[in-house]
N, C-alpha and C. Protein backbone atom coordinates (compact mmCIF):
# COMPACT_ATOMS: atom_id res chain seq x y z
N MET A 1 0.85 -1.17 0.00
CA MET A 1 0.00 0.00 0.00
C MET A 1 0.90 1.24 0.00
N LYS A 2 0.59 2.20 -0.86
CA LYS A 2 1.33 3.45 -0.87
C LYS A 2 0.81 4.33 0.26
N CYS A 3 1.72 4.83 1.06
CA CYS A 3 1.35 5.67 2.19
C CYS A 3 1.99 7.04 2.05
N PHE A 4 1.24 8.08 2.35
CA PHE A 4 1.78 9.43 2.36
C PHE A 4 2.44 9.66 3.71
N PRO A 5 3.69 10.14 3.72
CA PRO A 5 4.41 10.30 4.99
C PRO A 5 4.13 11.62 5.70
N PHE A 6 2.99 11.71 6.36
CA PHE A 6 2.69 12.91 7.15
C PHE A 6 3.71 13.05 8.27
N MET A 7 4.12 14.27 8.53
CA MET A 7 4.94 14.55 9.70
C MET A 7 4.05 15.38 10.61
N LYS A 8 3.85 14.94 11.82
CA LYS A 8 2.90 15.57 12.73
C LYS A 8 3.55 15.77 14.09
N ASP A 9 3.30 16.92 14.68
CA ASP A 9 3.77 17.18 16.04
C ASP A 9 2.91 16.35 16.99
N ILE A 10 3.54 15.43 17.70
CA ILE A 10 2.79 14.58 18.64
C ILE A 10 3.17 14.87 20.08
N SER A 11 3.87 15.97 20.31
CA SER A 11 4.22 16.31 21.70
C SER A 11 2.94 16.62 22.46
N GLY A 12 2.82 16.02 23.62
CA GLY A 12 1.64 16.21 24.45
C GLY A 12 0.45 15.36 24.04
N LYS A 13 0.51 14.69 22.90
CA LYS A 13 -0.60 13.82 22.47
C LYS A 13 -0.59 12.56 23.33
N ILE A 14 -1.78 12.01 23.52
CA ILE A 14 -1.93 10.82 24.35
C ILE A 14 -2.02 9.58 23.47
N CYS A 15 -1.13 8.64 23.75
CA CYS A 15 -1.12 7.36 23.04
C CYS A 15 -1.45 6.26 24.04
N LEU A 16 -2.50 5.50 23.73
CA LEU A 16 -2.79 4.31 24.52
C LEU A 16 -2.03 3.16 23.87
N LEU A 17 -1.16 2.55 24.62
CA LEU A 17 -0.34 1.44 24.16
C LEU A 17 -0.82 0.18 24.87
N VAL A 18 -1.51 -0.68 24.13
CA VAL A 18 -2.06 -1.91 24.71
C VAL A 18 -1.03 -3.01 24.48
N GLY A 19 -0.39 -3.43 25.55
CA GLY A 19 0.67 -4.43 25.49
C GLY A 19 1.79 -4.01 26.41
N GLY A 20 2.47 -4.98 26.99
CA GLY A 20 3.49 -4.64 27.97
C GLY A 20 4.83 -5.31 27.75
N GLY A 21 5.03 -5.90 26.55
CA GLY A 21 6.25 -6.64 26.28
C GLY A 21 7.27 -5.90 25.43
N GLU A 22 8.13 -6.67 24.81
CA GLU A 22 9.25 -6.15 24.01
C GLU A 22 8.77 -5.28 22.85
N VAL A 23 7.77 -5.71 22.11
CA VAL A 23 7.28 -4.94 20.96
C VAL A 23 6.69 -3.62 21.45
N ALA A 24 5.91 -3.66 22.50
CA ALA A 24 5.33 -2.43 23.06
C ALA A 24 6.45 -1.48 23.52
N LEU A 25 7.48 -2.04 24.13
CA LEU A 25 8.61 -1.21 24.56
C LEU A 25 9.25 -0.51 23.37
N ARG A 26 9.48 -1.23 22.27
CA ARG A 26 10.10 -0.62 21.08
C ARG A 26 9.24 0.53 20.55
N LYS A 27 7.93 0.37 20.54
CA LYS A 27 7.04 1.45 20.07
C LYS A 27 7.14 2.65 21.02
N ALA A 28 7.12 2.39 22.31
CA ALA A 28 7.21 3.47 23.30
C ALA A 28 8.54 4.21 23.18
N GLU A 29 9.61 3.47 22.95
CA GLU A 29 10.92 4.09 22.81
C GLU A 29 10.99 5.00 21.58
N LYS A 30 10.27 4.65 20.52
CA LYS A 30 10.22 5.52 19.34
C LYS A 30 9.41 6.78 19.62
N LEU A 31 8.34 6.65 20.38
CA LEU A 31 7.45 7.79 20.64
C LEU A 31 7.98 8.74 21.71
N HIS A 32 8.61 8.20 22.72
CA HIS A 32 9.01 8.99 23.89
C HIS A 32 9.81 10.25 23.55
N PRO A 33 10.81 10.19 22.66
CA PRO A 33 11.59 11.40 22.36
C PRO A 33 10.76 12.51 21.70
N PHE A 34 9.59 12.18 21.21
CA PHE A 34 8.74 13.17 20.55
C PHE A 34 7.72 13.79 21.51
N GLY A 35 7.85 13.50 22.79
CA GLY A 35 7.01 14.14 23.81
C GLY A 35 5.61 13.58 23.95
N THR A 36 5.39 12.39 23.46
CA THR A 36 4.07 11.77 23.56
C THR A 36 3.82 11.30 24.99
N GLN A 37 2.58 11.48 25.45
CA GLN A 37 2.17 10.96 26.76
C GLN A 37 1.68 9.53 26.54
N ILE A 38 2.40 8.58 27.08
CA ILE A 38 2.11 7.17 26.83
C ILE A 38 1.35 6.58 28.01
N VAL A 39 0.21 5.99 27.71
CA VAL A 39 -0.59 5.28 28.70
C VAL A 39 -0.52 3.80 28.30
N VAL A 40 -0.04 2.97 29.21
CA VAL A 40 0.16 1.55 28.92
C VAL A 40 -0.94 0.73 29.58
N CYS A 41 -1.40 -0.27 28.84
CA CYS A 41 -2.42 -1.18 29.36
C CYS A 41 -1.98 -2.61 29.07
N ALA A 42 -1.70 -3.37 30.15
CA ALA A 42 -1.31 -4.78 29.99
C ALA A 42 -1.38 -5.46 31.34
N HIS A 43 -1.58 -6.77 31.30
CA HIS A 43 -1.58 -7.56 32.55
C HIS A 43 -0.21 -7.48 33.21
N GLU A 44 0.83 -7.63 32.39
CA GLU A 44 2.21 -7.54 32.89
C GLU A 44 2.93 -6.48 32.06
N ILE A 45 3.60 -5.56 32.74
CA ILE A 45 4.29 -4.46 32.06
C ILE A 45 5.76 -4.49 32.45
N ARG A 46 6.60 -4.53 31.45
CA ARG A 46 8.05 -4.48 31.70
C ARG A 46 8.38 -3.22 32.49
N GLU A 47 9.35 -3.33 33.36
CA GLU A 47 9.74 -2.19 34.18
C GLU A 47 10.24 -1.02 33.33
N ASP A 48 11.03 -1.30 32.30
CA ASP A 48 11.55 -0.23 31.44
C ASP A 48 10.44 0.43 30.64
N LEU A 49 9.39 -0.31 30.32
CA LEU A 49 8.24 0.28 29.64
C LEU A 49 7.43 1.12 30.62
N SER A 50 7.23 0.61 31.81
CA SER A 50 6.50 1.34 32.84
C SER A 50 7.15 2.69 33.13
N ALA A 51 8.48 2.73 33.06
CA ALA A 51 9.21 3.98 33.31
C ALA A 51 8.92 5.05 32.25
N LEU A 52 8.53 4.63 31.05
CA LEU A 52 8.22 5.57 29.97
C LEU A 52 6.75 6.02 29.99
N ALA A 53 5.95 5.34 30.79
CA ALA A 53 4.50 5.57 30.79
C ALA A 53 4.10 6.68 31.76
N LYS A 54 3.11 7.45 31.34
CA LYS A 54 2.51 8.46 32.21
C LYS A 54 1.58 7.76 33.20
N LYS A 55 0.92 6.70 32.72
CA LYS A 55 -0.06 5.98 33.52
C LYS A 55 -0.06 4.52 33.06
N CYS A 56 -0.41 3.61 33.95
CA CYS A 56 -0.50 2.19 33.59
C CYS A 56 -1.83 1.62 34.08
N HIS A 57 -2.41 0.75 33.26
CA HIS A 57 -3.64 0.04 33.60
C HIS A 57 -3.40 -1.45 33.37
N ARG A 58 -4.08 -2.28 34.12
CA ARG A 58 -3.89 -3.74 34.01
C ARG A 58 -4.85 -4.40 33.02
N GLU A 59 -6.03 -3.82 32.83
CA GLU A 59 -7.04 -4.43 31.97
C GLU A 59 -7.46 -3.45 30.87
N TYR A 60 -7.60 -3.94 29.64
CA TYR A 60 -8.10 -3.10 28.56
C TYR A 60 -9.61 -3.00 28.66
N ASP A 61 -10.08 -1.80 28.50
CA ASP A 61 -11.50 -1.52 28.40
C ASP A 61 -11.64 -0.36 27.43
N ALA A 62 -12.66 -0.38 26.60
CA ALA A 62 -12.85 0.67 25.60
C ALA A 62 -12.95 2.06 26.22
N SER A 63 -13.31 2.14 27.50
CA SER A 63 -13.39 3.44 28.15
C SER A 63 -12.03 4.13 28.23
N LEU A 64 -10.94 3.35 28.13
CA LEU A 64 -9.59 3.93 28.14
C LEU A 64 -9.32 4.77 26.89
N LEU A 65 -10.14 4.61 25.87
CA LEU A 65 -9.94 5.36 24.62
C LEU A 65 -10.38 6.82 24.74
N ALA A 66 -11.16 7.15 25.74
CA ALA A 66 -11.62 8.53 25.91
C ALA A 66 -10.42 9.47 26.06
N GLY A 67 -10.37 10.47 25.21
CA GLY A 67 -9.30 11.47 25.26
C GLY A 67 -7.99 11.02 24.63
N THR A 68 -7.99 9.83 24.06
CA THR A 68 -6.78 9.29 23.43
C THR A 68 -6.67 9.81 22.00
N ASP A 69 -5.44 10.18 21.61
CA ASP A 69 -5.22 10.70 20.26
C ASP A 69 -4.91 9.60 19.25
N PHE A 70 -4.19 8.58 19.68
CA PHE A 70 -3.93 7.43 18.82
C PHE A 70 -3.59 6.23 19.69
N VAL A 71 -3.67 5.04 19.08
CA VAL A 71 -3.55 3.80 19.85
C VAL A 71 -2.61 2.83 19.13
N ILE A 72 -1.91 2.07 19.93
CA ILE A 72 -1.09 0.98 19.41
C ILE A 72 -1.52 -0.30 20.12
N ALA A 73 -1.90 -1.29 19.34
CA ALA A 73 -2.25 -2.61 19.88
C ALA A 73 -1.04 -3.51 19.65
N ALA A 74 -0.34 -3.86 20.73
CA ALA A 74 0.91 -4.60 20.62
C ALA A 74 0.93 -5.77 21.60
N THR A 75 -0.14 -6.54 21.62
CA THR A 75 -0.17 -7.71 22.49
C THR A 75 0.10 -8.96 21.66
N ASP A 76 0.27 -10.09 22.33
CA ASP A 76 0.39 -11.36 21.61
C ASP A 76 -0.97 -12.06 21.50
N ASP A 77 -2.04 -11.32 21.82
CA ASP A 77 -3.41 -11.83 21.76
C ASP A 77 -4.09 -11.21 20.53
N GLU A 78 -4.17 -11.97 19.44
CA GLU A 78 -4.72 -11.44 18.19
C GLU A 78 -6.16 -10.97 18.35
N ALA A 79 -6.95 -11.66 19.13
CA ALA A 79 -8.35 -11.28 19.33
C ALA A 79 -8.44 -9.94 20.06
N LEU A 80 -7.59 -9.74 21.06
CA LEU A 80 -7.58 -8.47 21.78
C LEU A 80 -7.13 -7.34 20.85
N ASN A 81 -6.08 -7.57 20.07
CA ASN A 81 -5.61 -6.55 19.14
C ASN A 81 -6.72 -6.16 18.16
N ALA A 82 -7.44 -7.17 17.65
CA ALA A 82 -8.54 -6.90 16.72
C ALA A 82 -9.66 -6.12 17.40
N ARG A 83 -9.95 -6.45 18.65
CA ARG A 83 -10.98 -5.72 19.41
C ARG A 83 -10.57 -4.26 19.61
N VAL A 84 -9.30 -4.04 19.97
CA VAL A 84 -8.80 -2.68 20.15
C VAL A 84 -8.95 -1.91 18.84
N ALA A 85 -8.54 -2.53 17.72
CA ALA A 85 -8.64 -1.87 16.42
C ALA A 85 -10.09 -1.53 16.08
N SER A 86 -10.99 -2.45 16.35
CA SER A 86 -12.42 -2.21 16.09
C SER A 86 -12.96 -1.08 16.96
N ASP A 87 -12.61 -1.08 18.24
CA ASP A 87 -13.05 -0.02 19.16
C ASP A 87 -12.54 1.34 18.68
N CYS A 88 -11.31 1.37 18.21
CA CYS A 88 -10.73 2.63 17.72
C CYS A 88 -11.45 3.11 16.47
N ARG A 89 -11.69 2.22 15.55
CA ARG A 89 -12.37 2.60 14.29
C ARG A 89 -13.76 3.15 14.58
N THR A 90 -14.47 2.54 15.52
CA THR A 90 -15.81 3.01 15.90
C THR A 90 -15.76 4.45 16.39
N ARG A 91 -14.66 4.83 17.06
CA ARG A 91 -14.52 6.16 17.65
C ARG A 91 -13.69 7.12 16.80
N GLY A 92 -13.22 6.65 15.64
CA GLY A 92 -12.43 7.51 14.77
C GLY A 92 -11.03 7.80 15.30
N ILE A 93 -10.48 6.88 16.07
CA ILE A 93 -9.14 7.05 16.63
C ILE A 93 -8.16 6.23 15.80
N PRO A 94 -7.10 6.85 15.28
CA PRO A 94 -6.11 6.10 14.50
C PRO A 94 -5.45 5.01 15.35
N VAL A 95 -5.27 3.83 14.73
CA VAL A 95 -4.70 2.69 15.45
C VAL A 95 -3.63 2.01 14.61
N ASN A 96 -2.59 1.55 15.30
CA ASN A 96 -1.57 0.71 14.71
C ASN A 96 -1.67 -0.62 15.42
N CYS A 97 -1.91 -1.66 14.66
CA CYS A 97 -2.04 -3.00 15.21
C CYS A 97 -0.82 -3.78 14.72
N VAL A 98 0.17 -3.94 15.58
CA VAL A 98 1.45 -4.50 15.16
C VAL A 98 1.27 -5.87 14.52
N ASP A 99 2.00 -6.08 13.45
CA ASP A 99 2.01 -7.34 12.71
C ASP A 99 0.67 -7.69 12.04
N LYS A 100 -0.25 -6.74 11.96
CA LYS A 100 -1.52 -6.97 11.26
C LYS A 100 -1.78 -5.76 10.37
N LYS A 101 -1.13 -5.75 9.24
CA LYS A 101 -1.20 -4.62 8.30
C LYS A 101 -2.64 -4.19 8.01
N GLY A 102 -3.53 -5.14 7.84
CA GLY A 102 -4.92 -4.83 7.49
C GLY A 102 -5.70 -4.13 8.59
N LEU A 103 -5.21 -4.16 9.83
CA LEU A 103 -5.89 -3.51 10.94
C LEU A 103 -5.28 -2.14 11.28
N CYS A 104 -4.28 -1.73 10.50
CA CYS A 104 -3.57 -0.47 10.80
C CYS A 104 -4.13 0.71 10.04
N ASP A 105 -4.23 1.84 10.74
CA ASP A 105 -4.54 3.12 10.10
C ASP A 105 -3.26 3.88 9.80
N PHE A 106 -2.17 3.51 10.48
CA PHE A 106 -0.87 4.12 10.25
C PHE A 106 0.20 3.10 10.58
N TYR A 107 1.39 3.34 10.05
CA TYR A 107 2.52 2.46 10.29
C TYR A 107 3.64 3.23 10.96
N PHE A 108 4.50 2.52 11.65
CA PHE A 108 5.69 3.12 12.23
C PHE A 108 6.80 3.05 11.19
N PRO A 109 7.37 4.19 10.84
CA PRO A 109 8.49 4.14 9.90
C PRO A 109 9.77 3.78 10.64
N ALA A 110 10.76 3.35 9.88
CA ALA A 110 12.11 3.24 10.43
C ALA A 110 12.61 4.68 10.51
N LEU A 111 13.12 5.09 11.66
CA LEU A 111 13.46 6.50 11.88
C LEU A 111 14.95 6.76 11.96
N ILE A 112 15.31 7.90 11.39
CA ILE A 112 16.63 8.48 11.60
C ILE A 112 16.36 9.85 12.19
N THR A 113 16.95 10.15 13.34
CA THR A 113 16.77 11.47 13.93
C THR A 113 18.12 12.08 14.26
N ALA A 114 18.21 13.38 14.01
CA ALA A 114 19.41 14.15 14.33
C ALA A 114 18.94 15.57 14.62
N GLY A 115 18.84 15.91 15.89
CA GLY A 115 18.30 17.22 16.24
C GLY A 115 16.87 17.33 15.74
N ASP A 116 16.58 18.39 14.98
CA ASP A 116 15.24 18.58 14.44
C ASP A 116 14.98 17.81 13.15
N VAL A 117 15.98 17.13 12.64
CA VAL A 117 15.82 16.35 11.41
C VAL A 117 15.27 14.97 11.76
N THR A 118 14.17 14.63 11.12
CA THR A 118 13.60 13.29 11.26
C THR A 118 13.35 12.74 9.87
N ILE A 119 13.91 11.59 9.60
CA ILE A 119 13.71 10.93 8.32
C ILE A 119 12.96 9.64 8.62
N GLY A 120 11.79 9.48 8.00
CA GLY A 120 11.00 8.27 8.18
C GLY A 120 11.01 7.44 6.91
N ILE A 121 11.22 6.14 7.06
CA ILE A 121 11.28 5.24 5.92
C ILE A 121 10.19 4.19 6.09
N SER A 122 9.33 4.08 5.09
CA SER A 122 8.23 3.14 5.17
C SER A 122 8.12 2.32 3.89
N THR A 123 7.66 1.10 4.05
CA THR A 123 7.35 0.26 2.90
C THR A 123 5.84 -0.01 2.88
N GLY A 124 5.08 0.86 3.55
CA GLY A 124 3.64 0.67 3.60
C GLY A 124 3.23 -0.60 4.34
N GLY A 125 4.08 -1.03 5.26
CA GLY A 125 3.78 -2.23 6.02
C GLY A 125 4.22 -3.51 5.33
N ALA A 126 4.73 -3.43 4.10
CA ALA A 126 5.08 -4.63 3.34
C ALA A 126 6.33 -5.33 3.89
N SER A 127 7.35 -4.56 4.27
CA SER A 127 8.59 -5.18 4.74
C SER A 127 9.31 -4.29 5.73
N PRO A 128 9.00 -4.40 7.02
CA PRO A 128 9.72 -3.65 8.03
C PRO A 128 11.23 -3.91 7.98
N ALA A 129 11.64 -5.12 7.58
CA ALA A 129 13.07 -5.42 7.50
C ALA A 129 13.74 -4.58 6.42
N LEU A 130 13.07 -4.37 5.29
CA LEU A 130 13.64 -3.52 4.24
C LEU A 130 13.75 -2.09 4.73
N ALA A 131 12.73 -1.60 5.41
CA ALA A 131 12.78 -0.23 5.95
C ALA A 131 13.94 -0.08 6.93
N ALA A 132 14.16 -1.07 7.77
CA ALA A 132 15.27 -1.04 8.73
C ALA A 132 16.61 -1.08 8.02
N ALA A 133 16.71 -1.89 6.98
CA ALA A 133 17.97 -1.97 6.22
C ALA A 133 18.25 -0.65 5.51
N LEU A 134 17.23 -0.03 4.94
CA LEU A 134 17.41 1.28 4.30
C LEU A 134 17.84 2.33 5.32
N ARG A 135 17.25 2.27 6.51
CA ARG A 135 17.64 3.21 7.57
C ARG A 135 19.13 3.06 7.88
N ALA A 136 19.58 1.85 8.07
CA ALA A 136 20.99 1.60 8.39
C ALA A 136 21.90 2.09 7.26
N TRP A 137 21.50 1.85 6.04
CA TRP A 137 22.30 2.28 4.89
C TRP A 137 22.36 3.81 4.82
N LEU A 138 21.20 4.47 4.97
CA LEU A 138 21.17 5.94 4.92
C LEU A 138 21.96 6.57 6.05
N GLU A 139 21.88 5.98 7.24
CA GLU A 139 22.63 6.53 8.38
C GLU A 139 24.12 6.60 8.09
N GLN A 140 24.62 5.64 7.35
CA GLN A 140 26.04 5.64 7.00
C GLN A 140 26.37 6.73 5.98
N LYS A 141 25.40 7.13 5.18
CA LYS A 141 25.62 8.12 4.11
C LYS A 141 25.48 9.56 4.61
N LEU A 142 24.73 9.76 5.67
CA LEU A 142 24.46 11.12 6.15
C LEU A 142 25.65 11.66 6.94
N PRO A 143 25.86 12.98 6.86
CA PRO A 143 26.95 13.56 7.64
C PRO A 143 26.70 13.41 9.14
N GLU A 144 27.77 13.19 9.90
CA GLU A 144 27.65 13.01 11.34
C GLU A 144 27.09 14.26 12.03
N ASN A 145 27.33 15.42 11.45
CA ASN A 145 26.89 16.67 12.06
C ASN A 145 25.59 17.19 11.44
N LEU A 146 24.70 16.28 11.08
CA LEU A 146 23.45 16.65 10.43
C LEU A 146 22.62 17.62 11.27
N ALA A 147 22.59 17.44 12.57
CA ALA A 147 21.82 18.34 13.45
C ALA A 147 22.37 19.77 13.35
N GLU A 148 23.68 19.91 13.31
CA GLU A 148 24.30 21.24 13.18
C GLU A 148 24.00 21.85 11.81
N ILE A 149 24.07 21.04 10.78
CA ILE A 149 23.74 21.53 9.43
C ILE A 149 22.30 22.03 9.41
N ALA A 150 21.39 21.31 10.06
CA ALA A 150 19.99 21.72 10.12
C ALA A 150 19.84 23.06 10.84
N ARG A 151 20.58 23.25 11.93
CA ARG A 151 20.52 24.53 12.66
C ARG A 151 21.03 25.67 11.78
N ARG A 152 22.12 25.43 11.07
CA ARG A 152 22.67 26.46 10.18
C ARG A 152 21.71 26.76 9.03
N ALA A 153 21.11 25.72 8.46
CA ALA A 153 20.16 25.90 7.36
C ALA A 153 18.95 26.71 7.84
N GLU A 154 18.49 26.44 9.05
CA GLU A 154 17.35 27.19 9.59
C GLU A 154 17.71 28.67 9.76
N ALA A 155 18.91 28.94 10.25
CA ALA A 155 19.35 30.32 10.45
C ALA A 155 19.46 31.08 9.12
N LEU A 156 19.76 30.37 8.05
CA LEU A 156 19.91 31.01 6.74
C LEU A 156 18.61 31.12 5.95
N ARG A 157 17.59 30.43 6.41
CA ARG A 157 16.31 30.41 5.70
C ARG A 157 15.77 31.84 5.54
N GLY A 158 15.41 32.16 4.32
CA GLY A 158 14.85 33.48 4.02
C GLY A 158 15.89 34.55 3.77
N THR A 159 17.18 34.21 3.85
CA THR A 159 18.22 35.21 3.65
C THR A 159 18.73 35.28 2.21
N MET A 160 18.25 34.35 1.36
CA MET A 160 18.66 34.34 -0.04
C MET A 160 17.54 33.76 -0.87
N PRO A 161 17.58 33.95 -2.18
CA PRO A 161 16.53 33.39 -3.04
C PRO A 161 16.44 31.87 -2.87
N PRO A 162 15.23 31.31 -3.03
CA PRO A 162 15.01 29.87 -2.78
C PRO A 162 15.98 28.93 -3.51
N LYS A 163 16.23 29.17 -4.80
CA LYS A 163 17.13 28.27 -5.54
C LYS A 163 18.56 28.35 -5.00
N GLU A 164 19.00 29.53 -4.67
CA GLU A 164 20.33 29.74 -4.12
C GLU A 164 20.44 29.08 -2.74
N TYR A 165 19.39 29.26 -1.96
CA TYR A 165 19.34 28.66 -0.61
C TYR A 165 19.41 27.14 -0.71
N ALA A 166 18.61 26.55 -1.61
CA ALA A 166 18.60 25.10 -1.78
C ALA A 166 19.99 24.59 -2.20
N ALA A 167 20.64 25.29 -3.09
CA ALA A 167 21.98 24.89 -3.54
C ALA A 167 22.98 24.99 -2.39
N PHE A 168 22.85 26.03 -1.57
CA PHE A 168 23.76 26.22 -0.44
C PHE A 168 23.58 25.11 0.59
N VAL A 169 22.33 24.76 0.87
CA VAL A 169 22.05 23.69 1.84
C VAL A 169 22.58 22.36 1.31
N LEU A 170 22.40 22.09 0.02
CA LEU A 170 22.92 20.86 -0.58
C LEU A 170 24.45 20.82 -0.45
N LYS A 171 25.10 21.94 -0.66
CA LYS A 171 26.55 22.01 -0.53
C LYS A 171 26.98 21.70 0.91
N MET A 172 26.24 22.24 1.87
CA MET A 172 26.55 21.94 3.28
C MET A 172 26.45 20.44 3.54
N LEU A 173 25.41 19.81 3.00
CA LEU A 173 25.24 18.36 3.19
C LEU A 173 26.38 17.58 2.55
N GLU A 174 26.72 17.93 1.34
CA GLU A 174 27.76 17.20 0.60
C GLU A 174 29.13 17.36 1.27
N GLU A 175 29.38 18.54 1.81
CA GLU A 175 30.67 18.81 2.43
C GLU A 175 30.69 18.51 3.93
N GLY A 176 29.50 18.28 4.49
CA GLY A 176 29.40 18.02 5.92
C GLY A 176 29.77 19.23 6.77
N VAL A 177 29.53 20.41 6.21
CA VAL A 177 29.90 21.66 6.88
C VAL A 177 28.72 22.22 7.63
């Protein structure tokens, strides 16, 4: 499926994360640096996941969706994940149901971050391994000081004509300056 890569400010947004294991932890670790308020719901919650959570619940109930901006269903219980996805769709809440492409409203891209620069790589849910491999390959190609280049590019924005500015930014990237 072709997906448009929206970039959205999710700081302060509430994410209900249903699941308390390794997969849920990986999703929380991706969201946490972006300022998302994570609410975890699982019978058993890893300690490192609990540390990232604003709040924890032991049992899933659709009432937990009230005030939630988006949801991730990351349990090893397919029926529960499907129920969460259905409850979200009924309420118009975007949901990611891990390992069930057909139940997802959005996908997690493979991310590269450097300061304010965020690069997301997606295969539309077809091959997370390919997205991860592309991320690793691109990380090797990008300048180590990408965050600094971004700060310099921001400071120069609007100080020269657009084509000249674009050429200057490209030169900074190529030279790593």
